[in-house]
Amino acid sequence: MATRAKAGPGRARQKGRSASGRVTQSARSTGGERYTPPIPKSVRASPRWMGIAIIALFALGALIVIFNYAGLFPGGVNNLWLVAAVASIFAGLIVATRYH
């Protein structure tokens, strides 16, 4: 049960962790106080390749932009290469949002 702050407007509750820990959704709806242990850090950790993939996708996008403007790709300066660069950077952002 969460502790209450000093009497004040709106009966504000004290911020921070409650004394009973996390409670599952089904326990809230039935009024029970079933404890759910925290997720271990080893389970939440992302694999090593994810960090490497994020950096590689960002770097690939930047290199495509540089090489396109230098004219090093076949077909000269082409907007399709810029679309590929933006797609690579966007893929890096997607992977980065999944990183723990």
PDB file of N, CA and C in Angstrom:
ATOM      1  N   MET A   1       0.843  -1.166   0.000  1.00  0.00           N
ATOM      2  CA  MET A   1       0.000   0.000   0.000  1.00  0.00           C
ATOM      3  C   MET A   1       0.892   1.234   0.000  1.00  0.00           C
ATOM      4  N   ALA A   2       0.569   2.182  -0.831  1.00  0.00           N
ATOM      5  CA  ALA A   2       1.361   3.400  -0.925  1.00  0.00           C
ATOM      6  C   ALA A   2       1.109   4.264   0.307  1.00  0.00           C
ATOM      7  N   THR A   3       2.170   4.911   0.751  1.00  0.00           N
ATOM      8  CA  THR A   3       2.022   5.804   1.896  1.00  0.00           C
ATOM      9  C   THR A   3       1.513   7.145   1.426  1.00  0.00           C
ATOM     10  N   ARG A   4       0.791   7.831   2.275  1.00  0.00           N
ATOM     11  CA  ARG A   4       0.244   9.130   1.915  1.00  0.00           C
ATOM     12  C   ARG A   4       1.141  10.253   2.402  1.00  0.00           C
ATOM     13  N   ALA A   5       1.151  11.311   1.634  1.00  0.00           N
ATOM     14  CA  ALA A   5       1.908  12.493   2.029  1.00  0.00           C
ATOM     15  C   ALA A   5       1.126  13.233   3.112  1.00  0.00           C
ATOM     16  N   LYS A   6       1.718  14.279   3.608  1.00  0.00           N
ATOM     17  CA  LYS A   6       1.021  15.095   4.598  1.00  0.00           C
ATOM     18  C   LYS A   6      -0.290  15.598   4.017  1.00  0.00           C
ATOM     19  N   ALA A   7      -1.243  15.840   4.880  1.00  0.00           N
ATOM     20  CA  ALA A   7      -2.565  16.261   4.430  1.00  0.00           C
ATOM     21  C   ALA A   7      -2.455  17.516   3.583  1.00  0.00           C
ATOM     22  N   GLY A   8      -3.071  17.476   2.428  1.00  0.00           N
ATOM     23  CA  GLY A   8      -3.019  18.621   1.528  1.00  0.00           C
ATOM     24  C   GLY A   8      -4.161  18.539   0.555  1.00  0.00           C
ATOM     25  N   PRO A   9      -4.230  19.467  -0.355  1.00  0.00           N
ATOM     26  CA  PRO A   9      -5.336  19.475  -1.311  1.00  0.00           C
ATOM     27  C   PRO A   9      -5.279  18.251  -2.224  1.00  0.00           C
ATOM     28  N   GLY A  10      -6.422  17.623  -2.442  1.00  0.00           N
ATOM     29  CA  GLY A  10      -6.513  16.511  -3.354  1.00  0.00           C
ATOM     30  C   GLY A  10      -5.990  15.197  -2.809  1.00  0.00           C
ATOM     31  N   ARG A  11      -5.622  15.145  -1.561  1.00  0.00           N
ATOM     32  CA  ARG A  11      -5.077  13.924  -0.953  1.00  0.00           C
ATOM     33  C   ARG A  11      -3.947  13.330  -1.797  1.00  0.00           C
ATOM     34  N   ALA A  12      -2.938  14.121  -2.063  1.00  0.00           N
ATOM     35  CA  ALA A  12      -1.814  13.694  -2.890  1.00  0.00           C
ATOM     36  C   ALA A  12      -1.065  12.560  -2.216  1.00  0.00           C
ATOM     37  N   ARG A  13      -0.604  11.622  -3.039  1.00  0.00           N
ATOM     38  CA  ARG A  13       0.170  10.504  -2.511  1.00  0.00           C
ATOM     39  C   ARG A  13       1.662  10.786  -2.686  1.00  0.00           C
ATOM     40  N   GLN A  14       2.454  10.137  -1.871  1.00  0.00           N
ATOM     41  CA  GLN A  14       3.889  10.324  -1.926  1.00  0.00           C
ATOM     42  C   GLN A  14       4.421   9.676  -3.206  1.00  0.00           C
ATOM     43  N   LYS A  15       5.325  10.370  -3.895  1.00  0.00           N
ATOM     44  CA  LYS A  15       5.907   9.841  -5.111  1.00  0.00           C
ATOM     45  C   LYS A  15       6.978   8.823  -4.764  1.00  0.00           C
ATOM     46  N   GLY A  16       7.272   7.952  -5.719  1.00  0.00           N
ATOM     47  CA  GLY A  16       8.328   6.968  -5.519  1.00  0.00           C
ATOM     48  C   GLY A  16       7.764   5.570  -5.423  1.00  0.00           C
ATOM     49  N   ARG A  17       8.575   4.659  -4.942  1.00  0.00           N
ATOM     50  CA  ARG A  17       8.175   3.258  -4.867  1.00  0.00           C
ATOM     51  C   ARG A  17       7.177   3.036  -3.742  1.00  0.00           C
ATOM     52  N   SER A  18       6.258   2.161  -3.988  1.00  0.00           N
ATOM     53  CA  SER A  18       5.304   1.818  -2.939  1.00  0.00           C
ATOM     54  C   SER A  18       5.906   0.735  -2.054  1.00  0.00           C
ATOM     55  N   ALA A  19       5.346   0.546  -0.900  1.00  0.00           N
ATOM     56  CA  ALA A  19       5.878  -0.421   0.052  1.00  0.00           C
ATOM     57  C   ALA A  19       5.643  -1.850  -0.405  1.00  0.00           C
ATOM     58  N   SER A  20       4.613  -2.087  -1.218  1.00  0.00           N
ATOM     59  CA  SER A  20       4.284  -3.457  -1.590  1.00  0.00           C
ATOM     60  C   SER A  20       4.913  -3.897  -2.902  1.00  0.00           C
ATOM     61  N   GLY A  21       5.592  -3.054  -3.646  1.00  0.00           N
ATOM     62  CA  GLY A  21       6.198  -3.439  -4.910  1.00  0.00           C
ATOM     63  C   GLY A  21       5.209  -3.360  -6.050  1.00  0.00           C
ATOM     64  N   ARG A  22       5.568  -3.958  -7.185  1.00  0.00           N
ATOM     65  CA  ARG A  22       4.681  -3.934  -8.338  1.00  0.00           C
ATOM     66  C   ARG A  22       3.544  -4.917  -8.155  1.00  0.00           C
ATOM     67  N   VAL A  23       2.405  -4.571  -8.681  1.00  0.00           N
ATOM     68  CA  VAL A  23       1.234  -5.431  -8.596  1.00  0.00           C
ATOM     69  C   VAL A  23       0.729  -5.667 -10.007  1.00  0.00           C
ATOM     70  N   THR A  24       0.365  -6.926 -10.326  1.00  0.00           N
ATOM     71  CA  THR A  24      -0.105  -7.245 -11.665  1.00  0.00           C
ATOM     72  C   THR A  24      -1.475  -6.648 -11.920  1.00  0.00           C
ATOM     73  N   GLN A  25      -1.834  -6.550 -13.215  1.00  0.00           N
ATOM     74  CA  GLN A  25      -3.115  -5.962 -13.585  1.00  0.00           C
ATOM     75  C   GLN A  25      -4.281  -6.763 -13.018  1.00  0.00           C
ATOM     76  N   SER A  26      -4.210  -8.108 -13.067  1.00  0.00           N
ATOM     77  CA  SER A  26      -5.320  -8.919 -12.567  1.00  0.00           C
ATOM     78  C   SER A  26      -5.481  -8.752 -11.066  1.00  0.00           C
ATOM     79  N   ALA A  27      -4.384  -8.550 -10.361  1.00  0.00           N
ATOM     80  CA  ALA A  27      -4.476  -8.358  -8.913  1.00  0.00           C
ATOM     81  C   ALA A  27      -5.114  -7.012  -8.591  1.00  0.00           C
ATOM     82  N   ARG A  28      -4.885  -6.006  -9.446  1.00  0.00           N
ATOM     83  CA  ARG A  28      -5.510  -4.698  -9.211  1.00  0.00           C
ATOM     84  C   ARG A  28      -7.019  -4.779  -9.392  1.00  0.00           C
ATOM     85  N   SER A  29      -7.443  -5.494 -10.438  1.00  0.00           N
ATOM     86  CA  SER A  29      -8.866  -5.550 -10.716  1.00  0.00           C
ATOM     87  C   SER A  29      -9.627  -6.348  -9.662  1.00  0.00           C
ATOM     88  N   THR A  30      -8.974  -7.346  -9.046  1.00  0.00           N
ATOM     89  CA  THR A  30      -9.650  -8.142  -8.028  1.00  0.00           C
ATOM     90  C   THR A  30      -9.422  -7.596  -6.628  1.00  0.00           C
ATOM     91  N   GLY A  31      -8.557  -6.614  -6.514  1.00  0.00           N
ATOM     92  CA  GLY A  31      -8.299  -6.022  -5.210  1.00  0.00           C
ATOM     93  C   GLY A  31      -7.186  -6.723  -4.448  1.00  0.00           C
ATOM     94  N   GLY A  32      -6.559  -7.733  -5.036  1.00  0.00           N
ATOM     95  CA  GLY A  32      -5.483  -8.471  -4.367  1.00  0.00           C
ATOM     96  C   GLY A  32      -4.169  -7.720  -4.417  1.00  0.00           C
ATOM     97  N   GLU A  33      -3.202  -8.199  -3.714  1.00  0.00           N
ATOM     98  CA  GLU A  33      -1.882  -7.570  -3.661  1.00  0.00           C
ATOM     99  C   GLU A  33      -0.826  -8.589  -4.061  1.00  0.00           C
ATOM    100  N   ARG A  34      -0.982  -9.227  -5.221  1.00  0.00           N
ATOM    101  CA  ARG A  34      -0.019 -10.224  -5.667  1.00  0.00           C
ATOM    102  C   ARG A  34       1.236  -9.514  -6.166  1.00  0.00           C
ATOM    103  N   TYR A  35       2.388  -9.899  -5.661  1.00  0.00           N
ATOM    104  CA  TYR A  35       3.662  -9.251  -5.977  1.00  0.00           C
ATOM    105  C   TYR A  35       4.224  -9.823  -7.271  1.00  0.00           C
ATOM    106  N   THR A  36       4.722  -8.950  -8.143  1.00  0.00           N
ATOM    107  CA  THR A  36       5.408  -9.353  -9.355  1.00  0.00           C
ATOM    108  C   THR A  36       6.865  -8.938  -9.222  1.00  0.00           C
ATOM    109  N   PRO A  37       7.787  -9.897  -9.218  1.00  0.00           N
ATOM    110  CA  PRO A  37       9.197  -9.533  -9.055  1.00  0.00           C
ATOM    111  C   PRO A  37       9.699  -8.753 -10.264  1.00  0.00           C
ATOM    112  N   PRO A  38      10.708  -7.887 -10.071  1.00  0.00           N
ATOM    113  CA  PRO A  38      11.255  -7.111 -11.188  1.00  0.00           C
ATOM    114  C   PRO A  38      11.945  -8.023 -12.204  1.00  0.00           C
ATOM    115  N   ILE A  39      12.005  -7.564 -13.441  1.00  0.00           N
ATOM    116  CA  ILE A  39      12.648  -8.320 -14.508  1.00  0.00           C
ATOM    117  C   ILE A  39      14.158  -8.252 -14.293  1.00  0.00           C
ATOM    118  N   PRO A  40      14.866  -9.389 -14.320  1.00  0.00           N
ATOM    119  CA  PRO A  40      16.318  -9.360 -14.128  1.00  0.00           C
ATOM    120  C   PRO A  40      17.015  -8.581 -15.236  1.00  0.00           C
ATOM    121  N   LYS A  41      18.119  -7.930 -14.902  1.00  0.00           N
ATOM    122  CA  LYS A  41      18.847  -7.116 -15.879  1.00  0.00           C
ATOM    123  C   LYS A  41      19.427  -7.958 -17.007  1.00  0.00           C
ATOM    124  N   SER A  42      19.741  -9.235 -16.730  1.00  0.00           N
ATOM    125  CA  SER A  42      20.290 -10.087 -17.776  1.00  0.00           C
ATOM    126  C   SER A  42      19.264 -10.339 -18.876  1.00  0.00           C
ATOM    127  N   VAL A  43      17.992 -10.337 -18.540  1.00  0.00           N
ATOM    128  CA  VAL A  43      16.945 -10.547 -19.533  1.00  0.00           C
ATOM    129  C   VAL A  43      16.734  -9.274 -20.351  1.00  0.00           C
ATOM    130  N   ARG A  44      16.848  -8.116 -19.722  1.00  0.00           N
ATOM    131  CA  ARG A  44      16.610  -6.843 -20.391  1.00  0.00           C
ATOM    132  C   ARG A  44      17.772  -6.407 -21.270  1.00  0.00           C
ATOM    133  N   ALA A  45      18.956  -6.983 -21.118  1.00  0.00           N
ATOM    134  CA  ALA A  45      20.137  -6.541 -21.856  1.00  0.00           C
ATOM    135  C   ALA A  45      20.036  -6.949 -23.320  1.00  0.00           C
ATOM    136  N   SER A  46      20.363  -6.025 -24.217  1.00  0.00           N
ATOM    137  CA  SER A  46      20.353  -6.310 -25.645  1.00  0.00           C
ATOM    138  C   SER A  46      21.633  -7.029 -26.033  1.00  0.00           C
ATOM    139  N   PRO A  47      21.583  -7.804 -27.114  1.00  0.00           N
ATOM    140  CA  PRO A  47      22.811  -8.459 -27.578  1.00  0.00           C
ATOM    141  C   PRO A  47      23.820  -7.433 -28.080  1.00  0.00           C
ATOM    142  N   ARG A  48      25.063  -7.829 -28.089  1.00  0.00           N
ATOM    143  CA  ARG A  48      26.152  -6.919 -28.459  1.00  0.00           C
ATOM    144  C   ARG A  48      26.014  -6.420 -29.904  1.00  0.00           C
ATOM    145  N   TRP A  49      25.487  -7.264 -30.795  1.00  0.00           N
ATOM    146  CA  TRP A  49      25.410  -6.892 -32.205  1.00  0.00           C
ATOM    147  C   TRP A  49      24.461  -5.722 -32.446  1.00  0.00           C
ATOM    148  N   MET A  50      23.533  -5.475 -31.544  1.00  0.00           N
ATOM    149  CA  MET A  50      22.590  -4.376 -31.759  1.00  0.00           C
ATOM    150  C   MET A  50      23.282  -3.019 -31.749  1.00  0.00           C
ATOM    151  N   GLY A  51      24.178  -2.816 -30.812  1.00  0.00           N
ATOM    152  CA  GLY A  51      24.925  -1.561 -30.767  1.00  0.00           C
ATOM    153  C   GLY A  51      25.785  -1.368 -31.998  1.00  0.00           C
ATOM    154  N   ILE A  52      26.403  -2.459 -32.442  1.00  0.00           N
ATOM    155  CA  ILE A  52      27.233  -2.403 -33.648  1.00  0.00           C
ATOM    156  C   ILE A  52      26.364  -2.119 -34.868  1.00  0.00           C
ATOM    157  N   ALA A  53      25.183  -2.730 -34.926  1.00  0.00           N
ATOM    158  CA  ALA A  53      24.287  -2.518 -36.066  1.00  0.00           C
ATOM    159  C   ALA A  53      23.801  -1.066 -36.125  1.00  0.00           C
ATOM    160  N   ILE A  54      23.523  -0.480 -34.977  1.00  0.00           N
ATOM    161  CA  ILE A  54      23.072   0.917 -34.947  1.00  0.00           C
ATOM    162  C   ILE A  54      24.144   1.829 -35.538  1.00  0.00           C
ATOM    163  N   ILE A  55      25.354   1.684 -35.055  1.00  0.00           N
ATOM    164  CA  ILE A  55      26.457   2.524 -35.540  1.00  0.00           C
ATOM    165  C   ILE A  55      26.723   2.262 -37.016  1.00  0.00           C
ATOM    166  N   ALA A  56      26.672   0.984 -37.431  1.00  0.00           N
ATOM    167  CA  ALA A  56      26.941   0.647 -38.828  1.00  0.00           C
ATOM    168  C   ALA A  56      25.885   1.239 -39.760  1.00  0.00           C
ATOM    169  N   LEU A  57      24.613   1.198 -39.356  1.00  0.00           N
ATOM    170  CA  LEU A  57      23.557   1.754 -40.205  1.00  0.00           C
ATOM    171  C   LEU A  57      23.666   3.274 -40.316  1.00  0.00           C
ATOM    172  N   PHE A  58      23.981   3.946 -39.216  1.00  0.00           N
ATOM    173  CA  PHE A  58      24.177   5.400 -39.267  1.00  0.00           C
ATOM    174  C   PHE A  58      25.374   5.752 -40.151  1.00  0.00           C
ATOM    175  N   ALA A  59      26.483   5.022 -39.977  1.00  0.00           N
ATOM    176  CA  ALA A  59      27.682   5.293 -40.762  1.00  0.00           C
ATOM    177  C   ALA A  59      27.452   4.996 -42.243  1.00  0.00           C
ATOM    178  N   LEU A  60      26.731   3.918 -42.551  1.00  0.00           N
ATOM    179  CA  LEU A  60      26.441   3.580 -43.937  1.00  0.00           C
ATOM    180  C   LEU A  60      25.613   4.687 -44.597  1.00  0.00           C
ATOM    181  N   GLY A  61      24.615   5.190 -43.885  1.00  0.00           N
ATOM    182  CA  GLY A  61      23.807   6.280 -44.428  1.00  0.00           C
ATOM    183  C   GLY A  61      24.640   7.525 -44.701  1.00  0.00           C
ATOM    184  N   ALA A  62      25.519   7.856 -43.772  1.00  0.00           N
ATOM    185  CA  ALA A  62      26.374   9.035 -43.958  1.00  0.00           C
ATOM    186  C   ALA A  62      27.346   8.832 -45.124  1.00  0.00           C
ATOM    187  N   LEU A  63      27.902   7.634 -45.242  1.00  0.00           N
ATOM    188  CA  LEU A  63      28.833   7.371 -46.344  1.00  0.00           C
ATOM    189  C   LEU A  63      28.127   7.410 -47.695  1.00  0.00           C
ATOM    190  N   ILE A  64      26.899   6.924 -47.766  1.00  0.00           N
ATOM    191  CA  ILE A  64      26.158   6.975 -49.024  1.00  0.00           C
ATOM    192  C   ILE A  64      25.946   8.429 -49.451  1.00  0.00           C
ATOM    193  N   VAL A  65      25.605   9.288 -48.490  1.00  0.00           N
ATOM    194  CA  VAL A  65      25.412  10.704 -48.818  1.00  0.00           C
ATOM    195  C   VAL A  65      26.717  11.316 -49.327  1.00  0.00           C
ATOM    196  N   ILE A  66      27.814  11.051 -48.650  1.00  0.00           N
ATOM    197  CA  ILE A  66      29.112  11.618 -49.049  1.00  0.00           C
ATOM    198  C   ILE A  66      29.539  11.111 -50.421  1.00  0.00           C
ATOM    199  N   PHE A  67      29.432   9.783 -50.628  1.00  0.00           N
ATOM    200  CA  PHE A  67      29.847   9.212 -51.910  1.00  0.00           C
ATOM    201  C   PHE A  67      28.938   9.668 -53.044  1.00  0.00           C
ATOM    202  N   ASN A  68      27.665   9.886 -52.763  1.00  0.00           N
ATOM    203  CA  ASN A  68      26.746  10.360 -53.801  1.00  0.00           C
ATOM    204  C   ASN A  68      27.145  11.756 -54.273  1.00  0.00           C
ATOM    205  N   TYR A  69      27.397  12.639 -53.329  1.00  0.00           N
ATOM    206  CA  TYR A  69      27.763  13.998 -53.730  1.00  0.00           C
ATOM    207  C   TYR A  69      29.160  14.091 -54.328  1.00  0.00           C
ATOM    208  N   ALA A  70      30.007  13.108 -54.029  1.00  0.00           N
ATOM    209  CA  ALA A  70      31.330  13.070 -54.661  1.00  0.00           C
ATOM    210  C   ALA A  70      31.250  12.455 -56.056  1.00  0.00           C
ATOM    211  N   GLY A  71      30.097  11.855 -56.391  1.00  0.00           N
ATOM    212  CA  GLY A  71      29.931  11.263 -57.714  1.00  0.00           C
ATOM    213  C   GLY A  71      30.615   9.928 -57.871  1.00  0.00           C
ATOM    214  N   LEU A  72      30.823   9.203 -56.802  1.00  0.00           N
ATOM    215  CA  LEU A  72      31.537   7.931 -56.857  1.00  0.00           C
ATOM    216  C   LEU A  72      30.643   6.734 -57.167  1.00  0.00           C
ATOM    217  N   PHE A  73      29.346   6.912 -57.155  1.00  0.00           N
ATOM    218  CA  PHE A  73      28.429   5.815 -57.459  1.00  0.00           C
ATOM    219  C   PHE A  73      28.152   5.772 -58.950  1.00  0.00           C
ATOM    220  N   PRO A  74      27.824   4.569 -59.476  1.00  0.00           N
ATOM    221  CA  PRO A  74      27.472   4.496 -60.896  1.00  0.00           C
ATOM    222  C   PRO A  74      26.209   5.309 -61.185  1.00  0.00           C
ATOM    223  N   GLY A  75      26.190   6.007 -62.287  1.00  0.00           N
ATOM    224  CA  GLY A  75      25.051   6.836 -62.645  1.00  0.00           C
ATOM    225  C   GLY A  75      25.199   8.268 -62.183  1.00  0.00           C
ATOM    226  N   GLY A  76      26.328   8.608 -61.584  1.00  0.00           N
ATOM    227  CA  GLY A  76      26.553   9.981 -61.134  1.00  0.00           C
ATOM    228  C   GLY A  76      25.730  10.319 -59.900  1.00  0.00           C
ATOM    229  N   VAL A  77      25.468  11.611 -59.719  1.00  0.00           N
ATOM    230  CA  VAL A  77      24.687  12.068 -58.577  1.00  0.00           C
ATOM    231  C   VAL A  77      23.225  11.722 -58.852  1.00  0.00           C
ATOM    232  N   ASN A  78      22.644  10.893 -57.971  1.00  0.00           N
ATOM    233  CA  ASN A  78      21.297  10.393 -58.203  1.00  0.00           C
ATOM    234  C   ASN A  78      20.523  10.443 -56.883  1.00  0.00           C
ATOM    235  N   ASN A  79      19.269  10.844 -56.966  1.00  0.00           N
ATOM    236  CA  ASN A  79      18.454  10.942 -55.756  1.00  0.00           C
ATOM    237  C   ASN A  79      18.108   9.582 -55.162  1.00  0.00           C
ATOM    238  N   LEU A  80      18.162   8.523 -55.948  1.00  0.00           N
ATOM    239  CA  LEU A  80      17.862   7.195 -55.408  1.00  0.00           C
ATOM    240  C   LEU A  80      18.889   6.785 -54.347  1.00  0.00           C
ATOM    241  N   TRP A  81      20.114   7.240 -54.526  1.00  0.00           N
ATOM    242  CA  TRP A  81      21.129   6.943 -53.508  1.00  0.00           C
ATOM    243  C   TRP A  81      20.800   7.675 -52.203  1.00  0.00           C
ATOM    244  N   LEU A  82      20.258   8.872 -52.314  1.00  0.00           N
ATOM    245  CA  LEU A  82      19.878   9.618 -51.112  1.00  0.00           C
ATOM    246  C   LEU A  82      18.704   8.954 -50.398  1.00  0.00           C
ATOM    247  N   VAL A  83      17.789   8.365 -51.154  1.00  0.00           N
ATOM    248  CA  VAL A  83      16.683   7.614 -50.545  1.00  0.00           C
ATOM    249  C   VAL A  83      17.244   6.417 -49.783  1.00  0.00           C
ATOM    250  N   ALA A  84      18.232   5.748 -50.362  1.00  0.00           N
ATOM    251  CA  ALA A  84      18.869   4.613 -49.686  1.00  0.00           C
ATOM    252  C   ALA A  84      19.572   5.070 -48.403  1.00  0.00           C
ATOM    253  N   ALA A  85      20.180   6.255 -48.445  1.00  0.00           N
ATOM    254  CA  ALA A  85      20.859   6.780 -47.261  1.00  0.00           C
ATOM    255  C   ALA A  85      19.863   7.086 -46.156  1.00  0.00           C
ATOM    256  N   VAL A  86      18.751   7.718 -46.515  1.00  0.00           N
ATOM    257  CA  VAL A  86      17.729   8.033 -45.515  1.00  0.00           C
ATOM    258  C   VAL A  86      17.131   6.746 -44.957  1.00  0.00           C
ATOM    259  N   ALA A  87      16.920   5.743 -45.803  1.00  0.00           N
ATOM    260  CA  ALA A  87      16.390   4.454 -45.347  1.00  0.00           C
ATOM    261  C   ALA A  87      17.356   3.785 -44.375  1.00  0.00           C
ATOM    262  N   SER A  88      18.646   3.866 -44.640  1.00  0.00           N
ATOM    263  CA  SER A  88      19.640   3.277 -43.746  1.00  0.00           C
ATOM    264  C   SER A  88      19.655   3.988 -42.395  1.00  0.00           C
ATOM    265  N   ILE A  89      19.601   5.287 -42.396  1.00  0.00           N
ATOM    266  CA  ILE A  89      19.586   6.045 -41.144  1.00  0.00           C
ATOM    267  C   ILE A  89      18.295   5.771 -40.379  1.00  0.00           C
ATOM    268  N   PHE A  90      17.172   5.677 -41.087  1.00  0.00           N
ATOM    269  CA  PHE A  90      15.891   5.373 -40.441  1.00  0.00           C
ATOM    270  C   PHE A  90      15.911   3.973 -39.829  1.00  0.00           C
ATOM    271  N   ALA A  91      16.506   3.009 -40.535  1.00  0.00           N
ATOM    272  CA  ALA A  91      16.630   1.653 -39.983  1.00  0.00           C
ATOM    273  C   ALA A  91      17.486   1.669 -38.712  1.00  0.00           C
ATOM    274  N   GLY A  92      18.538   2.496 -38.698  1.00  0.00           N
ATOM    275  CA  GLY A  92      19.354   2.639 -37.491  1.00  0.00           C
ATOM    276  C   GLY A  92      18.547   3.204 -36.339  1.00  0.00           C
ATOM    277  N   LEU A  93      17.664   4.149 -36.612  1.00  0.00           N
ATOM    278  CA  LEU A  93      16.802   4.709 -35.560  1.00  0.00           C
ATOM    279  C   LEU A  93      15.826   3.665 -35.022  1.00  0.00           C
ATOM    280  N   ILE A  94      15.282   2.834 -35.907  1.00  0.00           N
ATOM    281  CA  ILE A  94      14.361   1.790 -35.477  1.00  0.00           C
ATOM    282  C   ILE A  94      15.067   0.806 -34.558  1.00  0.00           C
ATOM    283  N   VAL A  95      16.276   0.388 -34.939  1.00  0.00           N
ATOM    284  CA  VAL A  95      17.043  -0.540 -34.102  1.00  0.00           C
ATOM    285  C   VAL A  95      17.400   0.130 -32.776  1.00  0.00           C
ATOM    286  N   ALA A  96      17.697   1.418 -32.800  1.00  0.00           N
ATOM    287  CA  ALA A  96      18.081   2.130 -31.582  1.00  0.00           C
ATOM    288  C   ALA A  96      16.923   2.218 -30.591  1.00  0.00           C
ATOM    289  N   THR A  97      15.687   2.259 -31.069  1.00  0.00           N
ATOM    290  CA  THR A  97      14.555   2.316 -30.144  1.00  0.00           C
ATOM    291  C   THR A  97      14.342   0.990 -29.442  1.00  0.00           C
ATOM    292  N   ARG A  98      14.868  -0.095 -29.967  1.00  0.00           N
ATOM    293  CA  ARG A  98      14.731  -1.426 -29.346  1.00  0.00           C
ATOM    294  C   ARG A  98      15.899  -1.770 -28.438  1.00  0.00           C
ATOM    295  N   TYR A  99      16.893  -0.901 -28.375  1.00  0.00           N
ATOM    296  CA  TYR A  99      18.115  -1.166 -27.601  1.00  0.00           C
ATOM    297  C   TYR A  99      17.899  -0.941 -26.119  1.00  0.00           C
ATOM    298  N   HIS A 100      18.388  -1.872 -25.305  1.00  0.00           N
ATOM    299  CA  HIS A 100      18.294  -1.749 -23.830  1.00  0.00           C
ATOM    300  C   HIS A 100      19.672  -1.569 -23.249  1.00  0.00           C
TER     301      HIS A 100
END
